[in-house]
């Protein structure tokens, strides 16, 4: 299992470093590879995306896509109330809940 860092995911989503984005996409395309995205990485990524000017909808979509990498998760815990609201409105799975 490969744990992914915030910077790997940010490069793919922001396309701000083309070489790193290409390498990150290649990593995610590795046949048979499984990935784990720590909760702290998702939270930091949301902050990075928000700081880069992405809309709340775009951030929610990005997080929703990442959660698909964590298909075995029963729930997603966060302290970010805005993320909880957006995820619930978008019907994100696994369920997102505030702690």
N, C-alpha and C. Protein backbone atom coordinates (compact mmCIF):
# COMPACT_ATOMS: atom_id res chain seq x y z
N UNK A 1 0.85 -1.17 0.00
CA UNK A 1 0.00 0.00 0.00
C UNK A 1 0.91 1.24 0.00
N UNK A 2 0.53 2.22 -0.77
CA UNK A 2 1.30 3.46 -0.89
C UNK A 2 0.51 4.58 -0.23
N UNK A 3 1.10 5.21 0.78
CA UNK A 3 0.49 6.38 1.42
C UNK A 3 0.88 7.60 0.59
N UNK A 4 -0.10 8.41 0.27
CA UNK A 4 0.15 9.58 -0.57
C UNK A 4 0.27 10.85 0.25
N UNK A 5 1.24 11.67 -0.09
CA UNK A 5 1.44 12.96 0.57
C UNK A 5 0.60 14.04 -0.11
N UNK A 6 0.37 15.10 0.62
CA UNK A 6 -0.41 16.23 0.11
C UNK A 6 0.16 16.75 -1.20
N UNK A 7 1.48 16.89 -1.27
CA UNK A 7 2.07 17.50 -2.46
C UNK A 7 1.85 16.66 -3.72
N UNK A 8 1.79 15.35 -3.58
CA UNK A 8 1.53 14.49 -4.74
C UNK A 8 0.12 14.76 -5.28
N UNK A 9 -0.83 14.80 -4.38
CA UNK A 9 -2.23 15.04 -4.78
C UNK A 9 -2.43 16.46 -5.29
N UNK A 10 -1.80 17.42 -4.64
CA UNK A 10 -1.94 18.82 -5.05
C UNK A 10 -1.40 19.03 -6.46
N UNK A 11 -0.30 18.38 -6.80
CA UNK A 11 0.26 18.55 -8.14
C UNK A 11 -0.72 18.08 -9.21
N UNK A 12 -1.39 16.97 -8.94
CA UNK A 12 -2.37 16.45 -9.91
C UNK A 12 -3.54 17.42 -10.06
N UNK A 13 -4.04 17.89 -8.95
CA UNK A 13 -5.25 18.73 -8.97
C UNK A 13 -4.99 20.16 -9.44
N UNK A 14 -3.81 20.68 -9.13
CA UNK A 14 -3.52 22.07 -9.49
C UNK A 14 -2.77 22.22 -10.81
N UNK A 15 -2.09 21.16 -11.24
CA UNK A 15 -1.30 21.21 -12.48
C UNK A 15 -0.33 22.39 -12.49
N UNK A 16 0.19 22.75 -11.32
CA UNK A 16 1.08 23.90 -11.22
C UNK A 16 2.55 23.54 -11.44
N UNK A 17 2.87 22.27 -11.41
CA UNK A 17 4.21 21.76 -11.70
C UNK A 17 4.03 20.59 -12.67
N UNK A 18 4.07 20.86 -13.98
CA UNK A 18 3.73 19.83 -14.97
C UNK A 18 4.53 18.53 -14.84
N UNK A 19 5.83 18.61 -14.57
CA UNK A 19 6.62 17.39 -14.45
C UNK A 19 6.18 16.56 -13.25
N UNK A 20 5.99 17.21 -12.12
CA UNK A 20 5.54 16.50 -10.93
C UNK A 20 4.13 15.96 -11.11
N UNK A 21 3.27 16.71 -11.78
CA UNK A 21 1.90 16.23 -12.03
C UNK A 21 1.93 14.97 -12.89
N UNK A 22 2.77 14.95 -13.90
CA UNK A 22 2.90 13.77 -14.77
C UNK A 22 3.40 12.57 -13.97
N UNK A 23 4.41 12.79 -13.12
CA UNK A 23 4.94 11.70 -12.31
C UNK A 23 3.91 11.20 -11.30
N UNK A 24 3.13 12.10 -10.73
CA UNK A 24 2.09 11.70 -9.77
C UNK A 24 1.01 10.89 -10.46
N UNK A 25 0.58 11.31 -11.65
CA UNK A 25 -0.43 10.54 -12.40
C UNK A 25 0.10 9.16 -12.76
N UNK A 26 1.37 9.08 -13.10
CA UNK A 26 1.98 7.78 -13.43
C UNK A 26 1.95 6.87 -12.20
N UNK A 27 2.24 7.42 -11.03
CA UNK A 27 2.19 6.64 -9.80
C UNK A 27 0.78 6.10 -9.56
N UNK A 28 -0.22 6.94 -9.70
CA UNK A 28 -1.60 6.50 -9.47
C UNK A 28 -2.09 5.49 -10.49
N UNK A 29 -1.42 5.45 -11.64
CA UNK A 29 -1.83 4.52 -12.70
C UNK A 29 -1.12 3.17 -12.60
N UNK A 30 -0.24 3.00 -11.62
CA UNK A 30 0.48 1.74 -11.48
C UNK A 30 -0.48 0.59 -11.29
N UNK A 31 -0.34 -0.40 -12.15
CA UNK A 31 -1.24 -1.55 -12.09
C UNK A 31 -1.06 -2.31 -10.78
N UNK A 32 -2.17 -2.60 -10.14
CA UNK A 32 -2.17 -3.37 -8.91
C UNK A 32 -1.82 -2.60 -7.65
N UNK A 33 -1.46 -1.32 -7.80
CA UNK A 33 -1.08 -0.53 -6.63
C UNK A 33 -2.33 -0.13 -5.84
N UNK A 34 -2.21 -0.11 -4.54
CA UNK A 34 -3.28 0.40 -3.68
C UNK A 34 -2.73 1.60 -2.93
N UNK A 35 -3.62 2.52 -2.61
CA UNK A 35 -3.21 3.77 -2.02
C UNK A 35 -3.98 4.05 -0.74
N UNK A 36 -3.33 4.80 0.12
CA UNK A 36 -3.94 5.25 1.36
C UNK A 36 -3.69 6.74 1.47
N UNK A 37 -4.74 7.48 1.77
CA UNK A 37 -4.64 8.92 1.95
C UNK A 37 -5.00 9.21 3.40
N UNK A 38 -3.99 9.56 4.23
CA UNK A 38 -4.29 9.86 5.62
C UNK A 38 -5.24 11.05 5.74
N UNK A 39 -6.01 11.04 6.79
CA UNK A 39 -6.97 12.12 7.03
C UNK A 39 -6.27 13.47 7.05
N UNK A 40 -5.11 13.51 7.68
CA UNK A 40 -4.39 14.78 7.76
C UNK A 40 -4.01 15.30 6.38
N UNK A 41 -3.75 14.39 5.45
CA UNK A 41 -3.42 14.80 4.08
C UNK A 41 -4.64 15.41 3.41
N UNK A 42 -5.80 14.82 3.60
CA UNK A 42 -7.02 15.37 2.99
C UNK A 42 -7.31 16.76 3.55
N UNK A 43 -7.15 16.91 4.85
CA UNK A 43 -7.39 18.22 5.46
C UNK A 43 -6.40 19.26 4.94
N UNK A 44 -5.14 18.87 4.87
CA UNK A 44 -4.13 19.81 4.37
C UNK A 44 -4.37 20.12 2.90
N UNK A 45 -4.78 19.12 2.13
CA UNK A 45 -5.05 19.34 0.72
C UNK A 45 -6.20 20.32 0.54
N UNK A 46 -7.25 20.19 1.33
CA UNK A 46 -8.36 21.14 1.25
C UNK A 46 -7.87 22.56 1.52
N UNK A 47 -6.98 22.72 2.48
CA UNK A 47 -6.41 24.04 2.79
C UNK A 47 -5.59 24.57 1.62
N UNK A 48 -4.76 23.69 1.03
CA UNK A 48 -3.93 24.09 -0.12
C UNK A 48 -4.81 24.51 -1.29
N UNK A 49 -5.85 23.75 -1.57
CA UNK A 49 -6.74 24.08 -2.68
C UNK A 49 -7.48 25.38 -2.43
N UNK A 50 -7.92 25.58 -1.20
CA UNK A 50 -8.61 26.82 -0.83
C UNK A 50 -7.66 28.01 -0.98
N UNK A 51 -6.40 27.83 -0.55
CA UNK A 51 -5.39 28.88 -0.66
C UNK A 51 -5.03 29.19 -2.11
N UNK A 52 -5.25 28.22 -2.98
CA UNK A 52 -4.95 28.39 -4.40
C UNK A 52 -6.11 29.00 -5.17
N UNK A 53 -7.20 29.29 -4.47
CA UNK A 53 -8.33 29.98 -5.10
C UNK A 53 -9.41 29.08 -5.67
N UNK A 54 -9.35 27.78 -5.43
CA UNK A 54 -10.41 26.92 -5.94
C UNK A 54 -11.71 27.19 -5.19
N UNK A 55 -12.81 27.00 -5.86
CA UNK A 55 -14.12 27.19 -5.26
C UNK A 55 -14.41 26.05 -4.29
N UNK A 56 -15.37 26.29 -3.41
CA UNK A 56 -15.77 25.23 -2.47
C UNK A 56 -16.27 24.00 -3.21
N UNK A 57 -16.97 24.22 -4.31
CA UNK A 57 -17.48 23.10 -5.10
C UNK A 57 -16.34 22.28 -5.68
N UNK A 58 -15.31 22.96 -6.18
CA UNK A 58 -14.16 22.26 -6.75
C UNK A 58 -13.42 21.48 -5.67
N UNK A 59 -13.28 22.07 -4.50
CA UNK A 59 -12.61 21.38 -3.39
C UNK A 59 -13.41 20.16 -2.98
N UNK A 60 -14.72 20.30 -2.86
CA UNK A 60 -15.57 19.17 -2.48
C UNK A 60 -15.46 18.06 -3.52
N UNK A 61 -15.42 18.42 -4.78
CA UNK A 61 -15.27 17.43 -5.84
C UNK A 61 -13.94 16.71 -5.76
N UNK A 62 -12.89 17.45 -5.46
CA UNK A 62 -11.57 16.84 -5.33
C UNK A 62 -11.54 15.88 -4.14
N UNK A 63 -12.09 16.30 -3.03
CA UNK A 63 -12.12 15.44 -1.84
C UNK A 63 -12.97 14.21 -2.10
N UNK A 64 -14.09 14.40 -2.77
CA UNK A 64 -14.96 13.25 -3.10
C UNK A 64 -14.19 12.24 -3.95
N UNK A 65 -13.41 12.72 -4.90
CA UNK A 65 -12.60 11.83 -5.72
C UNK A 65 -11.55 11.09 -4.91
N UNK A 66 -10.94 11.79 -3.97
CA UNK A 66 -9.94 11.15 -3.12
C UNK A 66 -10.55 10.10 -2.21
N UNK A 67 -11.72 10.36 -1.72
CA UNK A 67 -12.36 9.40 -0.84
C UNK A 67 -12.64 8.09 -1.56
N UNK A 68 -12.74 8.15 -2.86
CA UNK A 68 -12.93 6.92 -3.64
C UNK A 68 -11.70 6.02 -3.50
N UNK A 69 -10.51 6.62 -3.18
CA UNK A 69 -9.32 5.81 -2.94
C UNK A 69 -9.41 5.06 -1.62
N UNK A 70 -10.31 5.47 -0.78
CA UNK A 70 -10.44 4.87 0.55
C UNK A 70 -11.74 4.09 0.66
N UNK A 71 -11.98 3.24 -0.29
CA UNK A 71 -13.24 2.52 -0.38
C UNK A 71 -13.59 1.67 0.82
N UNK A 72 -12.60 1.29 1.63
CA UNK A 72 -12.87 0.45 2.80
C UNK A 72 -13.27 1.28 4.01
N UNK A 73 -13.15 2.58 3.91
CA UNK A 73 -13.46 3.43 5.06
C UNK A 73 -14.96 3.45 5.32
N UNK A 74 -15.33 3.39 6.58
CA UNK A 74 -16.73 3.46 6.98
C UNK A 74 -17.20 4.90 7.14
N UNK A 75 -16.26 5.79 7.52
CA UNK A 75 -16.60 7.19 7.71
C UNK A 75 -15.33 8.03 7.61
N UNK A 76 -15.53 9.31 7.43
CA UNK A 76 -14.44 10.27 7.32
C UNK A 76 -14.64 11.31 8.42
N UNK A 77 -13.67 11.43 9.32
CA UNK A 77 -13.79 12.34 10.45
C UNK A 77 -12.96 13.59 10.20
N UNK A 78 -13.52 14.75 10.55
CA UNK A 78 -12.83 16.02 10.36
C UNK A 78 -13.31 17.03 11.39
N UNK A 79 -12.51 18.06 11.60
CA UNK A 79 -12.91 19.18 12.43
C UNK A 79 -13.43 20.32 11.56
N UNK A 80 -13.35 20.18 10.27
CA UNK A 80 -13.73 21.23 9.32
C UNK A 80 -15.24 21.20 9.07
N UNK A 81 -15.97 22.05 9.78
CA UNK A 81 -17.44 22.07 9.69
C UNK A 81 -17.92 22.40 8.27
N UNK A 82 -17.20 23.29 7.60
CA UNK A 82 -17.59 23.64 6.23
C UNK A 82 -17.46 22.43 5.31
N UNK A 83 -16.41 21.65 5.48
CA UNK A 83 -16.22 20.44 4.68
C UNK A 83 -17.34 19.45 4.95
N UNK A 84 -17.72 19.30 6.22
CA UNK A 84 -18.81 18.38 6.57
C UNK A 84 -20.09 18.79 5.84
N UNK A 85 -20.41 20.07 5.89
CA UNK A 85 -21.63 20.56 5.24
C UNK A 85 -21.60 20.32 3.73
N UNK A 86 -20.47 20.65 3.11
CA UNK A 86 -20.34 20.47 1.68
C UNK A 86 -20.42 19.00 1.29
N UNK A 87 -19.75 18.16 2.07
CA UNK A 87 -19.76 16.73 1.77
C UNK A 87 -21.15 16.14 1.90
N UNK A 88 -21.87 16.56 2.94
CA UNK A 88 -23.24 16.06 3.11
C UNK A 88 -24.13 16.51 1.96
N UNK A 89 -24.00 17.77 1.57
CA UNK A 89 -24.80 18.29 0.45
C UNK A 89 -24.49 17.57 -0.85
N UNK A 90 -23.23 17.14 -1.00
CA UNK A 90 -22.82 16.46 -2.22
C UNK A 90 -23.07 14.96 -2.17
N UNK A 91 -23.46 14.46 -1.00
CA UNK A 91 -23.71 13.02 -0.87
C UNK A 91 -22.43 12.20 -0.87
N UNK A 92 -21.35 12.76 -0.34
CA UNK A 92 -20.06 12.08 -0.34
C UNK A 92 -20.11 10.77 0.44
N UNK A 93 -19.40 9.79 -0.06
CA UNK A 93 -19.23 8.51 0.62
C UNK A 93 -17.75 8.23 0.74
N UNK A 94 -17.27 7.76 1.85
CA UNK A 94 -18.01 7.45 3.06
C UNK A 94 -18.57 8.72 3.70
N UNK A 95 -19.47 8.52 4.64
CA UNK A 95 -20.09 9.66 5.31
C UNK A 95 -19.03 10.51 6.01
N UNK A 96 -19.20 11.81 5.93
CA UNK A 96 -18.30 12.75 6.56
C UNK A 96 -18.96 13.28 7.82
N UNK A 97 -18.22 13.25 8.92
CA UNK A 97 -18.79 13.71 10.18
C UNK A 97 -17.81 14.58 10.94
N UNK A 98 -18.38 15.52 11.68
CA UNK A 98 -17.57 16.42 12.51
C UNK A 98 -17.21 15.73 13.81
N UNK A 99 -16.06 16.04 14.31
CA UNK A 99 -15.61 15.50 15.60
C UNK A 99 -15.66 16.57 16.65
